[in-house]
């Protein structure tokens, strides 16, 4: 004598497994699974153009070491106004043309780049 497994609970369980697998796969592929969330999430519009974040943080540590104060919110607001949805390369070229540069540990940097690196380092 064979036992019949009710179909509805079986289909619900299989559907739940497929759903959990799909969500897990989407999180894994998007890079969110296993990543530690940090306070930089609200500043990705500014920091996304930096490329190598680890190198930017090292340079940013030098910038922060020489800055008297570094107010994250105020700096981010000023950077958003200055960059104004323009390509970062154009903003940096404008900084150089207008002689808006900062010297840090022997490096001469466009002011915007120094502030972005400082912001990145401050946010970790």
PDB file of N, CA and C in Angstrom:
ATOM      1  N   UNK A   1       0.828  -1.160   0.000  1.00  0.00           N
ATOM      2  CA  UNK A   1       0.000   0.000   0.000  1.00  0.00           C
ATOM      3  C   UNK A   1       0.888   1.245   0.000  1.00  0.00           C
ATOM      4  N   UNK A   2       0.689   2.119  -0.920  1.00  0.00           N
ATOM      5  CA  UNK A   2       1.514   3.325  -1.022  1.00  0.00           C
ATOM      6  C   UNK A   2       0.815   4.494  -0.346  1.00  0.00           C
ATOM      7  N   UNK A   3       1.646   5.363   0.218  1.00  0.00           N
ATOM      8  CA  UNK A   3       1.081   6.544   0.861  1.00  0.00           C
ATOM      9  C   UNK A   3       1.143   7.693  -0.128  1.00  0.00           C
ATOM     10  N   UNK A   4       0.077   8.404  -0.217  1.00  0.00           N
ATOM     11  CA  UNK A   4       0.022   9.573  -1.088  1.00  0.00           C
ATOM     12  C   UNK A   4       0.425  10.808  -0.292  1.00  0.00           C
ATOM     13  N   UNK A   5       1.339  11.574  -0.851  1.00  0.00           N
ATOM     14  CA  UNK A   5       1.736  12.829  -0.228  1.00  0.00           C
ATOM     15  C   UNK A   5       0.804  13.904  -0.786  1.00  0.00           C
ATOM     16  N   UNK A   6       0.195  14.658   0.113  1.00  0.00           N
ATOM     17  CA  UNK A   6      -0.691  15.718  -0.387  1.00  0.00           C
ATOM     18  C   UNK A   6       0.089  16.678  -1.292  1.00  0.00           C
ATOM     19  N   UNK A   7      -0.465  17.003  -2.422  1.00  0.00           N
ATOM     20  CA  UNK A   7       0.239  17.794  -3.424  1.00  0.00           C
ATOM     21  C   UNK A   7       0.392  19.261  -3.051  1.00  0.00           C
ATOM     22  N   UNK A   8      -0.623  19.840  -2.459  1.00  0.00           N
ATOM     23  CA  UNK A   8      -0.579  21.269  -2.170  1.00  0.00           C
ATOM     24  C   UNK A   8       0.563  21.617  -1.198  1.00  0.00           C
ATOM     25  N   UNK A   9       0.710  20.965  -0.041  1.00  0.00           N
ATOM     26  CA  UNK A   9       1.835  21.297   0.845  1.00  0.00           C
ATOM     27  C   UNK A   9       3.195  21.041   0.186  1.00  0.00           C
ATOM     28  N   UNK A  10       3.285  20.009  -0.632  1.00  0.00           N
ATOM     29  CA  UNK A  10       4.529  19.716  -1.325  1.00  0.00           C
ATOM     30  C   UNK A  10       4.883  20.835  -2.306  1.00  0.00           C
ATOM     31  N   UNK A  11       3.904  21.303  -3.061  1.00  0.00           N
ATOM     32  CA  UNK A  11       4.146  22.388  -4.014  1.00  0.00           C
ATOM     33  C   UNK A  11       4.507  23.691  -3.306  1.00  0.00           C
ATOM     34  N   UNK A  12       3.857  23.944  -2.152  1.00  0.00           N
ATOM     35  CA  UNK A  12       4.180  25.151  -1.384  1.00  0.00           C
ATOM     36  C   UNK A  12       5.620  25.087  -0.879  1.00  0.00           C
ATOM     37  N   UNK A  13       6.032  23.936  -0.371  1.00  0.00           N
ATOM     38  CA  UNK A  13       7.399  23.773   0.136  1.00  0.00           C
ATOM     39  C   UNK A  13       8.416  23.917  -0.992  1.00  0.00           C
ATOM     40  N   UNK A  14       8.154  23.331  -2.123  1.00  0.00           N
ATOM     41  CA  UNK A  14       9.065  23.454  -3.261  1.00  0.00           C
ATOM     42  C   UNK A  14       9.138  24.895  -3.763  1.00  0.00           C
ATOM     43  N   UNK A  15       7.996  25.542  -3.793  1.00  0.00           N
ATOM     44  CA  UNK A  15       7.967  26.949  -4.207  1.00  0.00           C
ATOM     45  C   UNK A  15       8.774  27.831  -3.256  1.00  0.00           C
ATOM     46  N   UNK A  16       8.649  27.561  -1.953  1.00  0.00           N
ATOM     47  CA  UNK A  16       9.417  28.326  -0.967  1.00  0.00           C
ATOM     48  C   UNK A  16      10.912  28.092  -1.147  1.00  0.00           C
ATOM     49  N   UNK A  17      11.314  26.847  -1.391  1.00  0.00           N
ATOM     50  CA  UNK A  17      12.736  26.551  -1.611  1.00  0.00           C
ATOM     51  C   UNK A  17      13.274  27.264  -2.847  1.00  0.00           C
ATOM     52  N   UNK A  18      12.505  27.246  -3.913  1.00  0.00           N
ATOM     53  CA  UNK A  18      12.924  27.925  -5.138  1.00  0.00           C
ATOM     54  C   UNK A  18      13.023  29.431  -4.889  1.00  0.00           C
ATOM     55  N   UNK A  19      12.065  29.991  -4.146  1.00  0.00           N
ATOM     56  CA  UNK A  19      12.082  31.425  -3.844  1.00  0.00           C
ATOM     57  C   UNK A  19      13.288  31.815  -3.010  1.00  0.00           C
ATOM     58  N   UNK A  20      13.589  31.031  -1.986  1.00  0.00           N
ATOM     59  CA  UNK A  20      14.758  31.309  -1.148  1.00  0.00           C
ATOM     60  C   UNK A  20      16.036  31.200  -1.971  1.00  0.00           C
ATOM     61  N   UNK A  21      16.106  30.208  -2.824  1.00  0.00           N
ATOM     62  CA  UNK A  21      17.277  30.055  -3.688  1.00  0.00           C
ATOM     63  C   UNK A  21      17.434  31.217  -4.657  1.00  0.00           C
ATOM     64  N   UNK A  22      16.333  31.685  -5.211  1.00  0.00           N
ATOM     65  CA  UNK A  22      16.387  32.805  -6.152  1.00  0.00           C
ATOM     66  C   UNK A  22      16.839  34.086  -5.456  1.00  0.00           C
ATOM     67  N   UNK A  23      16.298  34.335  -4.271  1.00  0.00           N
ATOM     68  CA  UNK A  23      16.686  35.533  -3.527  1.00  0.00           C
ATOM     69  C   UNK A  23      18.159  35.446  -3.118  1.00  0.00           C
ATOM     70  N   UNK A  24      18.587  34.296  -2.624  1.00  0.00           N
ATOM     71  CA  UNK A  24      19.986  34.118  -2.240  1.00  0.00           C
ATOM     72  C   UNK A  24      20.918  34.286  -3.424  1.00  0.00           C
ATOM     73  N   UNK A  25      20.545  33.726  -4.552  1.00  0.00           N
ATOM     74  CA  UNK A  25      21.367  33.863  -5.756  1.00  0.00           C
ATOM     75  C   UNK A  25      21.446  35.304  -6.227  1.00  0.00           C
ATOM     76  N   UNK A  26      20.331  36.012  -6.163  1.00  0.00           N
ATOM     77  CA  UNK A  26      20.332  37.422  -6.567  1.00  0.00           C
ATOM     78  C   UNK A  26      21.221  38.256  -5.640  1.00  0.00           C
ATOM     79  N   UNK A  27      21.149  38.002  -4.347  1.00  0.00           N
ATOM     80  CA  UNK A  27      21.996  38.735  -3.398  1.00  0.00           C
ATOM     81  C   UNK A  27      23.470  38.417  -3.625  1.00  0.00           C
ATOM     82  N   UNK A  28      23.759  37.156  -3.867  1.00  0.00           N
ATOM     83  CA  UNK A  28      25.149  36.763  -4.117  1.00  0.00           C
ATOM     84  C   UNK A  28      25.685  37.429  -5.376  1.00  0.00           C
ATOM     85  N   UNK A  29      24.926  37.384  -6.447  1.00  0.00           N
ATOM     86  CA  UNK A  29      25.367  37.953  -7.718  1.00  0.00           C
ATOM     87  C   UNK A  29      25.488  39.467  -7.663  1.00  0.00           C
ATOM     88  N   UNK A  30      24.649  40.115  -6.862  1.00  0.00           N
ATOM     89  CA  UNK A  30      24.710  41.573  -6.777  1.00  0.00           C
ATOM     90  C   UNK A  30      25.846  42.039  -5.883  1.00  0.00           C
ATOM     91  N   UNK A  31      26.478  41.115  -5.162  1.00  0.00           N
ATOM     92  CA  UNK A  31      27.587  41.485  -4.299  1.00  0.00           C
ATOM     93  C   UNK A  31      27.154  41.919  -2.912  1.00  0.00           C
ATOM     94  N   UNK A  32      25.864  41.875  -2.619  1.00  0.00           N
ATOM     95  CA  UNK A  32      25.380  42.297  -1.316  1.00  0.00           C
ATOM     96  C   UNK A  32      25.540  41.209  -0.267  1.00  0.00           C
ATOM     97  N   UNK A  33      25.553  39.956  -0.690  1.00  0.00           N
ATOM     98  CA  UNK A  33      25.650  38.854   0.256  1.00  0.00           C
ATOM     99  C   UNK A  33      27.058  38.783   0.800  1.00  0.00           C
ATOM    100  N   UNK A  34      27.208  38.874   2.093  1.00  0.00           N
ATOM    101  CA  UNK A  34      28.511  38.771   2.709  1.00  0.00           C
ATOM    102  C   UNK A  34      29.253  40.084   2.826  1.00  0.00           C
ATOM    103  N   UNK A  35      28.731  41.146   2.268  1.00  0.00           N
ATOM    104  CA  UNK A  35      29.391  42.440   2.351  1.00  0.00           C
ATOM    105  C   UNK A  35      28.935  43.126   3.631  1.00  0.00           C
ATOM    106  N   UNK A  36      29.875  43.776   4.275  1.00  0.00           N
ATOM    107  CA  UNK A  36      29.536  44.536   5.464  1.00  0.00           C
ATOM    108  C   UNK A  36      29.028  45.900   5.034  1.00  0.00           C
ATOM    109  N   UNK A  37      27.873  46.273   5.542  1.00  0.00           N
ATOM    110  CA  UNK A  37      27.327  47.576   5.213  1.00  0.00           C
ATOM    111  C   UNK A  37      27.980  48.617   6.101  1.00  0.00           C
ATOM    112  N   UNK A  38      28.330  49.740   5.540  1.00  0.00           N
ATOM    113  CA  UNK A  38      28.972  50.781   6.312  1.00  0.00           C
ATOM    114  C   UNK A  38      28.358  52.115   5.954  1.00  0.00           C
ATOM    115  N   UNK A  39      28.805  53.133   6.606  1.00  0.00           N
ATOM    116  CA  UNK A  39      28.188  54.434   6.476  1.00  0.00           C
ATOM    117  C   UNK A  39      28.443  55.102   5.123  1.00  0.00           C
ATOM    118  N   UNK A  40      29.280  54.529   4.272  1.00  0.00           N
ATOM    119  CA  UNK A  40      29.544  55.121   2.969  1.00  0.00           C
ATOM    120  C   UNK A  40      28.379  54.946   2.005  1.00  0.00           C
ATOM    121  N   UNK A  41      27.401  54.130   2.380  1.00  0.00           N
ATOM    122  CA  UNK A  41      26.292  53.834   1.489  1.00  0.00           C
ATOM    123  C   UNK A  41      25.567  55.098   1.032  1.00  0.00           C
ATOM    124  N   UNK A  42      25.423  56.090   1.873  1.00  0.00           N
ATOM    125  CA  UNK A  42      24.742  57.321   1.499  1.00  0.00           C
ATOM    126  C   UNK A  42      25.589  58.268   0.670  1.00  0.00           C
ATOM    127  N   UNK A  43      26.824  57.904   0.422  1.00  0.00           N
ATOM    128  CA  UNK A  43      27.744  58.780  -0.294  1.00  0.00           C
ATOM    129  C   UNK A  43      28.274  58.132  -1.573  1.00  0.00           C
ATOM    130  N   UNK A  44      27.659  57.056  -2.011  1.00  0.00           N
ATOM    131  CA  UNK A  44      28.146  56.352  -3.203  1.00  0.00           C
ATOM    132  C   UNK A  44      28.124  57.224  -4.447  1.00  0.00           C
ATOM    133  N   UNK A  45      27.208  58.193  -4.511  1.00  0.00           N
ATOM    134  CA  UNK A  45      27.190  59.073  -5.670  1.00  0.00           C
ATOM    135  C   UNK A  45      28.494  59.861  -5.778  1.00  0.00           C
ATOM    136  N   UNK A  46      29.105  60.160  -4.646  1.00  0.00           N
ATOM    137  CA  UNK A  46      30.377  60.883  -4.653  1.00  0.00           C
ATOM    138  C   UNK A  46      31.573  59.956  -4.790  1.00  0.00           C
ATOM    139  N   UNK A  47      31.525  58.822  -4.112  1.00  0.00           N
ATOM    140  CA  UNK A  47      32.690  57.945  -4.024  1.00  0.00           C
ATOM    141  C   UNK A  47      32.830  56.968  -5.181  1.00  0.00           C
ATOM    142  N   UNK A  48      31.798  56.818  -5.983  1.00  0.00           N
ATOM    143  CA  UNK A  48      31.834  55.808  -7.049  1.00  0.00           C
ATOM    144  C   UNK A  48      32.906  56.093  -8.097  1.00  0.00           C
ATOM    145  N   UNK A  49      33.283  57.329  -8.278  1.00  0.00           N
ATOM    146  CA  UNK A  49      34.283  57.659  -9.290  1.00  0.00           C
ATOM    147  C   UNK A  49      35.719  57.453  -8.842  1.00  0.00           C
ATOM    148  N   UNK A  50      35.927  57.074  -7.591  1.00  0.00           N
ATOM    149  CA  UNK A  50      37.289  56.942  -7.084  1.00  0.00           C
ATOM    150  C   UNK A  50      38.002  55.691  -7.564  1.00  0.00           C
ATOM    151  N   UNK A  51      37.286  54.691  -7.990  1.00  0.00           N
ATOM    152  CA  UNK A  51      37.939  53.470  -8.453  1.00  0.00           C
ATOM    153  C   UNK A  51      38.450  52.637  -7.299  1.00  0.00           C
ATOM    154  N   UNK A  52      39.743  52.591  -7.093  1.00  0.00           N
ATOM    155  CA  UNK A  52      40.368  51.780  -6.051  1.00  0.00           C
ATOM    156  C   UNK A  52      40.151  52.448  -4.695  1.00  0.00           C
ATOM    157  N   UNK A  53      39.146  51.994  -3.963  1.00  0.00           N
ATOM    158  CA  UNK A  53      38.764  52.621  -2.703  1.00  0.00           C
ATOM    159  C   UNK A  53      39.851  52.474  -1.645  1.00  0.00           C
ATOM    160  N   UNK A  54      40.572  51.370  -1.678  1.00  0.00           N
ATOM    161  CA  UNK A  54      41.636  51.161  -0.692  1.00  0.00           C
ATOM    162  C   UNK A  54      42.751  52.191  -0.871  1.00  0.00           C
ATOM    163  N   UNK A  55      43.145  52.443  -2.105  1.00  0.00           N
ATOM    164  CA  UNK A  55      44.168  53.456  -2.373  1.00  0.00           C
ATOM    165  C   UNK A  55      43.646  54.851  -2.022  1.00  0.00           C
ATOM    166  N   UNK A  56      42.380  55.099  -2.323  1.00  0.00           N
ATOM    167  CA  UNK A  56      41.778  56.391  -1.980  1.00  0.00           C
ATOM    168  C   UNK A  56      41.762  56.597  -0.472  1.00  0.00           C
ATOM    169  N   UNK A  57      41.498  55.534   0.280  1.00  0.00           N
ATOM    170  CA  UNK A  57      41.475  55.637   1.740  1.00  0.00           C
ATOM    171  C   UNK A  57      42.865  55.951   2.295  1.00  0.00           C
ATOM    172  N   UNK A  58      43.905  55.369   1.705  1.00  0.00           N
ATOM    173  CA  UNK A  58      45.272  55.649   2.160  1.00  0.00           C
ATOM    174  C   UNK A  58      45.618  57.115   1.924  1.00  0.00           C
ATOM    175  N   UNK A  59      45.280  57.608   0.756  1.00  0.00           N
ATOM    176  CA  UNK A  59      45.517  59.014   0.457  1.00  0.00           C
ATOM    177  C   UNK A  59      44.632  59.890   1.340  1.00  0.00           C
ATOM    178  N   UNK A  60      43.407  59.454   1.548  1.00  0.00           N
ATOM    179  CA  UNK A  60      42.478  60.191   2.399  1.00  0.00           C
ATOM    180  C   UNK A  60      42.947  60.276   3.838  1.00  0.00           C
ATOM    181  N   UNK A  61      43.605  59.233   4.333  1.00  0.00           N
ATOM    182  CA  UNK A  61      44.162  59.271   5.690  1.00  0.00           C
ATOM    183  C   UNK A  61      45.198  60.387   5.811  1.00  0.00           C
ATOM    184  N   UNK A  62      46.011  60.561   4.768  1.00  0.00           N
ATOM    185  CA  UNK A  62      46.996  61.640   4.769  1.00  0.00           C
ATOM    186  C   UNK A  62      46.302  63.004   4.751  1.00  0.00           C
ATOM    187  N   UNK A  63      45.243  63.106   3.962  1.00  0.00           N
ATOM    188  CA  UNK A  63      44.480  64.365   3.896  1.00  0.00           C
ATOM    189  C   UNK A  63      43.866  64.670   5.261  1.00  0.00           C
ATOM    190  N   UNK A  64      43.261  63.666   5.879  1.00  0.00           N
ATOM    191  CA  UNK A  64      42.630  63.863   7.185  1.00  0.00           C
ATOM    192  C   UNK A  64      43.662  64.211   8.256  1.00  0.00           C
ATOM    193  N   UNK A  65      44.855  63.635   8.146  1.00  0.00           N
ATOM    194  CA  UNK A  65      45.908  63.910   9.112  1.00  0.00           C
ATOM    195  C   UNK A  65      46.359  65.358   9.097  1.00  0.00           C
ATOM    196  N   UNK A  66      46.222  66.016   7.957  1.00  0.00           N
ATOM    197  CA  UNK A  66      46.651  67.403   7.832  1.00  0.00           C
ATOM    198  C   UNK A  66      45.502  68.399   7.944  1.00  0.00           C
ATOM    199  N   UNK A  67      44.263  67.898   7.972  1.00  0.00           N
ATOM    200  CA  UNK A  67      43.098  68.785   8.058  1.00  0.00           C
ATOM    201  C   UNK A  67      42.828  69.149   9.514  1.00  0.00           C
ATOM    202  N   UNK A  68      42.500  70.408   9.741  1.00  0.00           N
ATOM    203  CA  UNK A  68      42.142  70.836  11.092  1.00  0.00           C
ATOM    204  C   UNK A  68      40.800  70.225  11.496  1.00  0.00           C
ATOM    205  N   UNK A  69      39.828  70.358  10.630  1.00  0.00           N
ATOM    206  CA  UNK A  69      38.511  69.737  10.838  1.00  0.00           C
ATOM    207  C   UNK A  69      38.059  69.139   9.519  1.00  0.00           C
ATOM    208  N   UNK A  70      37.205  68.144   9.609  1.00  0.00           N
ATOM    209  CA  UNK A  70      36.661  67.515   8.410  1.00  0.00           C
ATOM    210  C   UNK A  70      35.239  67.074   8.751  1.00  0.00           C
ATOM    211  N   UNK A  71      34.293  67.936   8.448  1.00  0.00           N
ATOM    212  CA  UNK A  71      32.887  67.666   8.728  1.00  0.00           C
ATOM    213  C   UNK A  71      32.283  66.936   7.532  1.00  0.00           C
ATOM    214  N   UNK A  72      32.024  65.669   7.717  1.00  0.00           N
ATOM    215  CA  UNK A  72      31.586  64.803   6.621  1.00  0.00           C
ATOM    216  C   UNK A  72      30.367  65.356   5.887  1.00  0.00           C
ATOM    217  N   UNK A  73      29.336  65.721   6.615  1.00  0.00           N
ATOM    218  CA  UNK A  73      28.109  66.215   5.982  1.00  0.00           C
ATOM    219  C   UNK A  73      28.327  67.486   5.185  1.00  0.00           C
ATOM    220  N   UNK A  74      29.066  68.419   5.762  1.00  0.00           N
ATOM    221  CA  UNK A  74      29.321  69.689   5.080  1.00  0.00           C
ATOM    222  C   UNK A  74      30.182  69.475   3.839  1.00  0.00           C
ATOM    223  N   UNK A  75      31.219  68.661   3.972  1.00  0.00           N
ATOM    224  CA  UNK A  75      32.107  68.380   2.833  1.00  0.00           C
ATOM    225  C   UNK A  75      31.321  67.707   1.710  1.00  0.00           C
ATOM    226  N   UNK A  76      30.492  66.724   2.057  1.00  0.00           N
ATOM    227  CA  UNK A  76      29.698  66.028   1.038  1.00  0.00           C
ATOM    228  C   UNK A  76      28.755  66.996   0.331  1.00  0.00           C
ATOM    229  N   UNK A  77      28.139  67.889   1.081  1.00  0.00           N
ATOM    230  CA  UNK A  77      27.227  68.876   0.490  1.00  0.00           C
ATOM    231  C   UNK A  77      27.980  69.780  -0.489  1.00  0.00           C
ATOM    232  N   UNK A  78      29.152  70.261  -0.067  1.00  0.00           N
ATOM    233  CA  UNK A  78      29.956  71.124  -0.942  1.00  0.00           C
ATOM    234  C   UNK A  78      30.423  70.380  -2.190  1.00  0.00           C
ATOM    235  N   UNK A  79      30.824  69.123  -2.011  1.00  0.00           N
ATOM    236  CA  UNK A  79      31.266  68.334  -3.165  1.00  0.00           C
ATOM    237  C   UNK A  79      30.122  68.109  -4.148  1.00  0.00           C
ATOM    238  N   UNK A  80      28.946  67.810  -3.641  1.00  0.00           N
ATOM    239  CA  UNK A  80      27.796  67.605  -4.545  1.00  0.00           C
ATOM    240  C   UNK A  80      27.491  68.869  -5.335  1.00  0.00           C
ATOM    241  N   UNK A  81      27.563  70.024  -4.685  1.00  0.00           N
ATOM    242  CA  UNK A  81      27.329  71.287  -5.394  1.00  0.00           C
ATOM    243  C   UNK A  81      28.424  71.530  -6.433  1.00  0.00           C
ATOM    244  N   UNK A  82      29.668  71.264  -6.068  1.00  0.00           N
ATOM    245  CA  UNK A  82      30.798  71.530  -6.969  1.00  0.00           C
ATOM    246  C   UNK A  82      30.815  70.565  -8.161  1.00  0.00           C
ATOM    247  N   UNK A  83      30.569  69.297  -7.893  1.00  0.00           N
ATOM    248  CA  UNK A  83      30.616  68.303  -8.980  1.00  0.00           C
ATOM    249  C   UNK A  83      29.383  68.429  -9.868  1.00  0.00           C
ATOM    250  N   UNK A  84      28.222  68.595  -9.265  1.00  0.00           N
ATOM    251  CA  UNK A  84      26.969  68.858  -9.984  1.00  0.00           C
ATOM    252  C   UNK A  84      26.727  67.916 -11.163  1.00  0.00           C
ATOM    253  N   UNK A  85      26.852  66.623 -10.939  1.00  0.00           N
ATOM    254  CA  UNK A  85      26.554  65.588 -11.946  1.00  0.00           C
ATOM    255  C   UNK A  85      27.459  65.649 -13.169  1.00  0.00           C
ATOM    256  N   UNK A  86      28.607  66.284 -13.046  1.00  0.00           N
ATOM    257  CA  UNK A  86      29.573  66.316 -14.150  1.00  0.00           C
ATOM    258  C   UNK A  86      30.534  65.143 -13.995  1.00  0.00           C
ATOM    259  N   UNK A  87      31.187  64.738 -15.068  1.00  0.00           N
ATOM    260  CA  UNK A  87      32.193  63.676 -14.939  1.00  0.00           C
ATOM    261  C   UNK A  87      33.327  64.138 -14.021  1.00  0.00           C
ATOM    262  N   UNK A  88      33.808  63.219 -13.198  1.00  0.00           N
ATOM    263  CA  UNK A  88      34.855  63.552 -12.236  1.00  0.00           C
ATOM    264  C   UNK A  88      36.110  64.066 -12.934  1.00  0.00           C
ATOM    265  N   UNK A  89      36.457  63.494 -14.067  1.00  0.00           N
ATOM    266  CA  UNK A  89      37.657  63.936 -14.795  1.00  0.00           C
ATOM    267  C   UNK A  89      37.554  65.413 -15.186  1.00  0.00           C
ATOM    268  N   UNK A  90      36.374  65.844 -15.595  1.00  0.00           N
ATOM    269  CA  UNK A  90      36.188  67.249 -15.971  1.00  0.00           C
ATOM    270  C   UNK A  90      36.313  68.167 -14.755  1.00  0.00           C
ATOM    271  N   UNK A  91      35.792  67.725 -13.629  1.00  0.00           N
ATOM    272  CA  UNK A  91      35.878  68.519 -12.404  1.00  0.00           C
ATOM    273  C   UNK A  91      37.333  68.640 -11.956  1.00  0.00           C
ATOM    274  N   UNK A  92      38.068  67.543 -12.020  1.00  0.00           N
ATOM    275  CA  UNK A  92      39.476  67.567 -11.611  1.00  0.00           C
ATOM    276  C   UNK A  92      40.305  68.435 -12.550  1.00  0.00           C
ATOM    277  N   UNK A  93      40.025  68.384 -13.839  1.00  0.00           N
ATOM    278  CA  UNK A  93      40.735  69.236 -14.805  1.00  0.00           C
ATOM    279  C   UNK A  93      40.430  70.710 -14.528  1.00  0.00           C
ATOM    280  N   UNK A  94      39.189  71.003 -14.183  1.00  0.00           N
ATOM    281  CA  UNK A  94      38.812  72.379 -13.838  1.00  0.00           C
ATOM    282  C   UNK A  94      39.544  72.849 -12.578  1.00  0.00           C
ATOM    283  N   UNK A  95      39.634  71.965 -11.585  1.00  0.00           N
ATOM    284  CA  UNK A  95      40.383  72.299 -10.359  1.00  0.00           C
ATOM    285  C   UNK A  95      41.824  72.662 -10.700  1.00  0.00           C
ATOM    286  N   UNK A  96      42.461  71.879 -11.534  1.00  0.00           N
ATOM    287  CA  UNK A  96      43.851  72.134 -11.910  1.00  0.00           C
ATOM    288  C   UNK A  96      43.983  73.442 -12.688  1.00  0.00           C
ATOM    289  N   UNK A  97      43.045  73.675 -13.610  1.00  0.00           N
ATOM    290  CA  UNK A  97      43.091  74.901 -14.402  1.00  0.00           C
ATOM    291  C   UNK A  97      42.891  76.137 -13.530  1.00  0.00           C
ATOM    292  N   UNK A  98      42.077  76.019 -12.491  1.00  0.00           N
ATOM    293  CA  UNK A  98      41.803  77.139 -11.589  1.00  0.00           C
ATOM    294  C   UNK A  98      42.780  77.185 -10.407  1.00  0.00           C
ATOM    295  N   UNK A  99      43.781  76.330 -10.443  1.00  0.00           N
ATOM    296  CA  UNK A  99      44.808  76.255  -9.398  1.00  0.00           C
ATOM    297  C   UNK A  99      44.210  75.939  -8.018  1.00  0.00           C
ATOM    298  N   UNK A 100      43.168  75.150  -7.994  1.00  0.00           N
ATOM    299  CA  UNK A 100      42.596  74.675  -6.726  1.00  0.00           C
ATOM    300  C   UNK A 100      43.253  73.330  -6.424  1.00  0.00           C
ATOM    301  N   UNK A 101      44.393  73.402  -5.777  1.00  0.00           N
ATOM    302  CA  UNK A 101      45.171  72.206  -5.474  1.00  0.00           C
ATOM    303  C   UNK A 101      45.484  72.159  -3.989  1.00  0.00           C
ATOM    304  N   UNK A 102      45.792  70.959  -3.519  1.00  0.00           N
ATOM    305  CA  UNK A 102      46.130  70.710  -2.128  1.00  0.00           C
ATOM    306  C   UNK A 102      47.417  69.904  -2.124  1.00  0.00           C
ATOM    307  N   UNK A 103      48.348  70.252  -1.233  1.00  0.00           N
ATOM    308  CA  UNK A 103      49.570  69.463  -1.092  1.00  0.00           C
ATOM    309  C   UNK A 103      49.459  68.620   0.169  1.00  0.00           C
ATOM    310  N   UNK A 104      49.637  67.319  -0.001  1.00  0.00           N
ATOM    311  CA  UNK A 104      49.541  66.374   1.103  1.00  0.00           C
ATOM    312  C   UNK A 104      50.661  65.362   0.979  1.00  0.00           C
ATOM    313  N   UNK A 105      51.525  65.300   1.986  1.00  0.00           N
ATOM    314  CA  UNK A 105      52.629  64.330   2.027  1.00  0.00           C
ATOM    315  C   UNK A 105      53.448  64.343   0.738  1.00  0.00           C
ATOM    316  N   UNK A 106      53.660  65.529   0.178  1.00  0.00           N
ATOM    317  CA  UNK A 106      54.452  65.646  -1.031  1.00  0.00           C
ATOM    318  C   UNK A 106      53.654  65.476  -2.318  1.00  0.00           C
ATOM    319  N   UNK A 107      52.394  65.114  -2.218  1.00  0.00           N
ATOM    320  CA  UNK A 107      51.545  64.967  -3.390  1.00  0.00           C
ATOM    321  C   UNK A 107      50.787  66.273  -3.615  1.00  0.00           C
ATOM    322  N   UNK A 108      50.719  66.702  -4.856  1.00  0.00           N
ATOM    323  CA  UNK A 108      49.908  67.862  -5.220  1.00  0.00           C
ATOM    324  C   UNK A 108      48.677  67.317  -5.936  1.00  0.00           C
ATOM    325  N   UNK A 109      47.522  67.551  -5.325  1.00  0.00           N
ATOM    326  CA  UNK A 109      46.273  66.954  -5.806  1.00  0.00           C
ATOM    327  C   UNK A 109      45.232  68.023  -6.104  1.00  0.00           C
ATOM    328  N   UNK A 110      44.352  67.758  -7.071  1.00  0.00           N
ATOM    329  CA  UNK A 110      43.196  68.634  -7.217  1.00  0.00           C
ATOM    330  C   UNK A 110      42.390  68.619  -5.914  1.00  0.00           C
ATOM    331  N   UNK A 111      41.886  69.765  -5.520  1.00  0.00           N
ATOM    332  CA  UNK A 111      41.169  69.892  -4.257  1.00  0.00           C
ATOM    333  C   UNK A 111      40.002  68.905  -4.146  1.00  0.00           C
ATOM    334  N   UNK A 112      39.263  68.740  -5.210  1.00  0.00           N
ATOM    335  CA  UNK A 112      38.114  67.830  -5.195  1.00  0.00           C
ATOM    336  C   UNK A 112      38.560  66.401  -4.924  1.00  0.00           C
ATOM    337  N   UNK A 113      39.644  65.971  -5.549  1.00  0.00           N
ATOM    338  CA  UNK A 113      40.145  64.619  -5.335  1.00  0.00           C
ATOM    339  C   UNK A 113      40.579  64.429  -3.884  1.00  0.00           C
ATOM    340  N   UNK A 114      41.267  65.419  -3.334  1.00  0.00           N
ATOM    341  CA  UNK A 114      41.703  65.324  -1.934  1.00  0.00           C
ATOM    342  C   UNK A 114      40.499  65.211  -1.005  1.00  0.00           C
ATOM    343  N   UNK A 115      39.473  66.003  -1.257  1.00  0.00           N
ATOM    344  CA  UNK A 115      38.275  65.953  -0.405  1.00  0.00           C
ATOM    345  C   UNK A 115      37.537  64.624  -0.559  1.00  0.00           C
ATOM    346  N   UNK A 116      37.455  64.122  -1.778  1.00  0.00           N
ATOM    347  CA  UNK A 116      36.797  62.823  -1.991  1.00  0.00           C
ATOM    348  C   UNK A 116      37.553  61.701  -1.279  1.00  0.00           C
ATOM    349  N   UNK A 117      38.871  61.726  -1.362  1.00  0.00           N
ATOM    350  CA  UNK A 117      39.668  60.704  -0.688  1.00  0.00           C
ATOM    351  C   UNK A 117      39.539  60.830   0.827  1.00  0.00           C
ATOM    352  N   UNK A 118      39.517  62.055   1.332  1.00  0.00           N
ATOM    353  CA  UNK A 118      39.301  62.274   2.760  1.00  0.00           C
ATOM    354  C   UNK A 118      37.944  61.760   3.203  1.00  0.00           C
ATOM    355  N   UNK A 119      36.936  62.005   2.399  1.00  0.00           N
ATOM    356  CA  UNK A 119      35.580  61.519   2.698  1.00  0.00           C
ATOM    357  C   UNK A 119      35.555  59.999   2.725  1.00  0.00           C
ATOM    358  N   UNK A 120      36.198  59.393   1.745  1.00  0.00           N
ATOM    359  CA  UNK A 120      36.256  57.935   1.686  1.00  0.00           C
ATOM    360  C   UNK A 120      36.941  57.339   2.921  1.00  0.00           C
ATOM    361  N   UNK A 121      38.062  57.948   3.307  1.00  0.00           N
ATOM    362  CA  UNK A 121      38.795  57.459   4.479  1.00  0.00           C
ATOM    363  C   UNK A 121      37.996  57.671   5.758  1.00  0.00           C
ATOM    364  N   UNK A 122      37.313  58.774   5.857  1.00  0.00           N
ATOM    365  CA  UNK A 122      36.522  59.081   7.051  1.00  0.00           C
ATOM    366  C   UNK A 122      35.375  58.083   7.226  1.00  0.00           C
ATOM    367  N   UNK A 123      34.799  57.675   6.109  1.00  0.00           N
ATOM    368  CA  UNK A 123      33.652  56.751   6.145  1.00  0.00           C
ATOM    369  C   UNK A 123      34.096  55.301   6.260  1.00  0.00           C
ATOM    370  N   UNK A 124      35.370  55.064   5.998  1.00  0.00           N
ATOM    371  CA  UNK A 124      35.913  53.717   6.156  1.00  0.00           C
ATOM    372  C   UNK A 124      35.680  52.869   4.989  1.00  0.00           C
TER     373      UNK A 124
END
